[in-house]
């Protein structure tokens, strides 16, 4: 956390130091989500299955639904700022946005990385079956 110090002098010449909180909690929440939020393994498994079979077009619909569904499980033991999720709404909002971005990114990468081998596999084995 970034705390800045400002020196204050009263009319008797006594100096005191006031700490002013300058933390951008929204950005901190977003960064913590990138670092500490763990993607549910079901998301990855679902995207692999739907990506590999999306040559048939229909599996792309549930794959998109998985990608766009809100993430679950915000709290993690690894996050040193986990308590801020319950006491700071700005941090929580940043964390939620960070979770969504991370989940969507992983879901897209997983879907398309399994789509390409599925497409080529279908093309190779599907066309081979047509020549027999």
Protein backbone atom coordinates (compact mmCIF):
# COMPACT_ATOMS: atom_id res chain seq x y z
CA UNK A 1 0.00 0.00 0.00
CA UNK A 2 1.19 3.43 -0.82
CA UNK A 3 0.89 5.89 2.00
CA UNK A 4 2.20 9.39 1.60
CA UNK A 5 3.18 11.61 4.49
CA UNK A 6 2.35 15.28 4.78
CA UNK A 7 3.91 17.45 7.43
CA UNK A 8 1.55 19.69 9.35
CA UNK A 9 2.67 22.61 11.53
CA UNK A 10 0.26 24.17 14.02
CA UNK A 11 0.42 27.78 15.36
CA UNK A 12 2.74 26.77 18.25
CA UNK A 13 5.29 25.43 15.77
CA UNK A 14 4.65 21.77 16.66
CA UNK A 15 5.17 19.53 13.68
CA UNK A 16 3.13 16.40 13.18
CA UNK A 17 3.01 13.91 10.37
CA UNK A 18 -0.31 12.96 8.86
CA UNK A 19 -0.56 9.86 6.73
CA UNK A 20 -2.84 10.24 3.74
CA UNK A 21 -4.10 7.08 2.09
CA UNK A 22 -3.40 7.33 -1.64
CA UNK A 23 -4.12 3.73 -2.60
CA UNK A 24 -6.09 3.20 -5.80
CA UNK A 25 -8.20 0.34 -4.47
CA UNK A 26 -9.87 -0.35 -7.81
CA UNK A 27 -6.50 -0.92 -9.52
CA UNK A 28 -5.22 -2.90 -6.53
CA UNK A 29 -8.29 -5.16 -6.71
CA UNK A 30 -7.86 -5.68 -10.44
CA UNK A 31 -4.16 -6.53 -10.03
CA UNK A 32 -4.89 -8.90 -7.14
CA UNK A 33 -7.48 -10.72 -9.24
CA UNK A 34 -4.89 -11.25 -11.98
CA UNK A 35 -2.44 -12.63 -9.43
CA UNK A 36 -4.60 -14.60 -7.02
CA UNK A 37 -7.91 -15.56 -8.68
CA UNK A 38 -7.88 -19.19 -9.75
CA UNK A 39 -10.01 -20.28 -12.70
CA UNK A 40 -12.44 -23.11 -11.94
CA UNK A 41 -11.11 -26.26 -13.66
CA UNK A 42 -14.63 -26.90 -15.02
CA UNK A 43 -14.30 -23.78 -17.16
CA UNK A 44 -11.12 -25.06 -18.77
CA UNK A 45 -12.48 -28.59 -19.28
CA UNK A 46 -15.72 -27.28 -20.76
CA UNK A 47 -13.93 -24.94 -23.14
CA UNK A 48 -11.60 -27.72 -24.31
CA UNK A 49 -14.53 -30.07 -25.02
CA UNK A 50 -16.63 -27.41 -26.73
CA UNK A 51 -13.66 -26.06 -28.66
CA UNK A 52 -12.68 -29.49 -29.96
CA UNK A 53 -16.23 -30.24 -31.07
CA UNK A 54 -17.20 -26.78 -32.29
CA UNK A 55 -16.69 -27.81 -35.91
CA UNK A 56 -20.34 -28.77 -35.53
CA UNK A 57 -21.14 -25.11 -34.62
CA UNK A 58 -23.66 -25.93 -31.84
CA UNK A 59 -21.06 -26.44 -29.05
CA UNK A 60 -19.93 -22.83 -29.53
CA UNK A 61 -23.13 -21.64 -27.80
CA UNK A 62 -22.43 -23.24 -24.39
CA UNK A 63 -18.75 -22.29 -24.74
CA UNK A 64 -19.77 -18.64 -25.05
CA UNK A 65 -22.17 -19.03 -22.10
CA UNK A 66 -19.36 -20.44 -19.94
CA UNK A 67 -17.06 -17.59 -20.94
CA UNK A 68 -19.64 -14.89 -20.17
CA UNK A 69 -20.99 -16.34 -16.92
CA UNK A 70 -19.82 -14.46 -13.82
CA UNK A 71 -16.87 -15.96 -11.96
CA UNK A 72 -17.47 -17.67 -8.64
CA UNK A 73 -15.31 -17.91 -5.51
CA UNK A 74 -13.72 -14.54 -4.89
CA UNK A 75 -11.93 -15.31 -1.65
CA UNK A 76 -8.57 -17.04 -1.75
CA UNK A 77 -6.12 -17.78 1.03
CA UNK A 78 -3.23 -16.58 -1.15
CA UNK A 79 -4.54 -13.02 -1.49
CA UNK A 80 -2.94 -10.83 1.18
CA UNK A 81 -5.73 -8.26 0.68
CA UNK A 82 -8.60 -10.76 0.94
CA UNK A 83 -10.27 -8.83 3.79
CA UNK A 84 -10.64 -5.81 1.51
CA UNK A 85 -13.21 -7.78 -0.50
CA UNK A 86 -15.66 -7.45 2.37
CA UNK A 87 -14.79 -3.99 3.68
CA UNK A 88 -13.92 -1.94 0.59
CA UNK A 89 -16.48 -1.78 -2.25
CA UNK A 90 -14.03 -0.08 -4.65
CA UNK A 91 -11.46 -2.86 -4.17
CA UNK A 92 -14.23 -5.46 -4.59
CA UNK A 93 -15.38 -3.88 -7.87
CA UNK A 94 -11.82 -3.85 -9.22
CA UNK A 95 -11.36 -7.47 -8.14
CA UNK A 96 -14.63 -8.51 -9.83
CA UNK A 97 -13.63 -6.82 -13.10
CA UNK A 98 -10.17 -8.41 -12.90
CA UNK A 99 -11.72 -11.85 -12.33
CA UNK A 100 -14.02 -11.45 -15.34
CA UNK A 101 -11.15 -10.38 -17.58
CA UNK A 102 -8.96 -13.26 -16.44
CA UNK A 103 -11.75 -15.83 -16.84
CA UNK A 104 -12.68 -14.59 -20.32
CA UNK A 105 -9.07 -14.54 -21.47
CA UNK A 106 -8.40 -18.10 -20.27
CA UNK A 107 -11.71 -19.33 -21.71
CA UNK A 108 -11.00 -17.82 -25.15
CA UNK A 109 -7.46 -19.17 -25.26
CA UNK A 110 -8.59 -22.64 -24.17
CA UNK A 111 -11.51 -22.72 -26.61
CA UNK A 112 -9.49 -21.69 -29.65
CA UNK A 113 -6.47 -23.80 -28.76
CA UNK A 114 -8.69 -26.89 -28.77
CA UNK A 115 -10.77 -25.71 -31.75
CA UNK A 116 -7.85 -25.77 -34.19
CA UNK A 117 -6.79 -29.41 -33.51
CA UNK A 118 -10.47 -30.43 -33.52
CA UNK A 119 -10.99 -28.76 -36.88
CA UNK A 120 -7.92 -30.37 -38.43
CA UNK A 121 -8.73 -33.74 -36.91
CA UNK A 122 -12.22 -33.62 -38.35
CA UNK A 123 -10.89 -32.45 -41.72
CA UNK A 124 -8.30 -35.24 -41.90
CA UNK A 125 -10.42 -38.10 -40.61
CA UNK A 126 -13.68 -36.81 -42.10
CA UNK A 127 -12.23 -36.47 -45.57
CA UNK A 128 -10.45 -39.81 -45.28
CA UNK A 129 -13.81 -41.43 -44.58
CA UNK A 130 -15.27 -39.87 -47.75
CA UNK A 131 -12.57 -41.49 -49.93
CA UNK A 132 -13.10 -45.02 -48.57
